[in-house]
Amino acid sequence: MSVAISIRLPDKIVNELDDLADSIDRSRTYIIRKAIESYMQEYADYLIALERLRDKDDKIISSDEMREQLGL
C-alpha cells in the first residue's frame, strides 16, 4: 500500500529532478522515493555511530590500531 504525500520544492530542484528523471528514464516519484530511502538508511547509520561515540564504555581506537588488530 502507498500513501500520496504532497510537498513544495523550489523550481531549481524540480528542474534538476526532471532533468535527472529524463536522463535515467525514471519518474520523479521513483527518484524521490529512492532519495528518501537512502537518506533514512544513512540517518539510521548516523544515529548508531553517534550512540557509539557517546558510549563511554566503548573503547575508541586509532586506524593504526585497527589495522594491527586485523593483521593488515
Protein backbone atom coordinates (compact mmCIF):
# COMPACT_ATOMS: atom_id res chain seq x y z
CA MET A 1 0.00 0.00 0.00
CA SER A 2 1.25 3.51 -0.65
CA VAL A 3 0.21 6.94 0.50
CA ALA A 4 0.36 10.14 -1.51
CA ILE A 5 2.30 12.99 0.10
CA SER A 6 2.37 16.50 -1.27
CA ILE A 7 5.45 18.73 -0.93
CA ARG A 8 6.57 22.07 -2.30
CA LEU A 9 10.00 22.32 -3.86
CA PRO A 10 11.91 25.25 -5.32
CA ASP A 11 11.82 25.48 -9.12
CA LYS A 12 15.55 24.78 -9.32
CA ILE A 13 15.19 21.43 -7.56
CA VAL A 14 12.20 20.45 -9.68
CA ASN A 15 14.13 21.29 -12.85
CA GLU A 16 17.09 19.22 -11.68
CA LEU A 17 14.73 16.41 -10.71
CA ASP A 18 13.09 16.49 -14.14
CA ASP A 19 16.49 16.52 -15.89
CA LEU A 20 17.61 13.52 -13.85
CA ALA A 21 14.34 11.68 -14.44
CA ASP A 22 14.68 12.22 -18.18
CA SER A 23 18.31 11.14 -18.24
CA ILE A 24 17.68 7.84 -16.43
CA ASP A 25 14.21 7.25 -17.87
CA ARG A 26 12.54 7.11 -14.45
CA SER A 27 9.73 9.07 -12.83
CA ARG A 28 10.03 11.87 -10.31
CA THR A 29 8.33 9.58 -7.81
CA TYR A 30 10.97 6.88 -8.29
CA ILE A 31 13.84 9.30 -7.72
CA ILE A 32 12.24 10.93 -4.68
CA ARG A 33 11.40 7.51 -3.17
CA LYS A 34 14.98 6.30 -3.66
CA ALA A 35 16.38 9.54 -2.22
CA ILE A 36 14.21 9.25 0.88
CA GLU A 37 15.08 5.57 1.35
CA SER A 38 18.79 6.40 1.06
CA TYR A 39 18.51 9.32 3.46
CA MET A 40 16.67 7.24 6.04
CA GLN A 41 19.29 4.48 5.90
CA GLU A 42 22.15 6.97 6.15
CA TYR A 43 20.45 8.75 9.06
CA ALA A 44 19.91 5.45 10.88
CA ASP A 45 23.63 4.67 10.44
CA TYR A 46 24.48 8.16 11.70
CA LEU A 47 22.39 7.64 14.83
CA ILE A 48 24.13 4.32 15.53
CA ALA A 49 27.55 5.97 15.11
CA LEU A 50 26.54 8.86 17.35
CA GLU A 51 25.27 6.47 20.02
CA ARG A 52 28.55 4.54 19.90
CA LEU A 53 30.56 7.77 20.07
CA ARG A 54 28.68 8.85 23.19
CA ASP A 55 29.07 5.42 24.85
CA LYS A 56 31.76 5.94 27.49
CA ASP A 57 32.29 2.17 27.77
CA ASP A 58 33.02 1.76 24.03
CA LYS A 59 36.75 1.92 23.50
CA ILE A 60 37.83 4.15 20.62
CA ILE A 61 40.94 3.01 18.77
CA SER A 62 43.01 4.60 16.03
CA SER A 63 43.05 3.39 12.44
CA ASP A 64 46.61 2.11 13.02
CA GLU A 65 45.43 0.05 15.99
CA MET A 66 42.55 -1.33 13.91
CA ARG A 67 44.90 -2.32 11.08
CA GLU A 68 47.16 -4.04 13.60
CA GLN A 69 44.24 -5.95 15.12
CA LEU A 70 43.14 -7.01 11.63
CA GLY A 71 46.69 -8.03 10.70
CA LEU A 72 46.94 -5.56 7.84
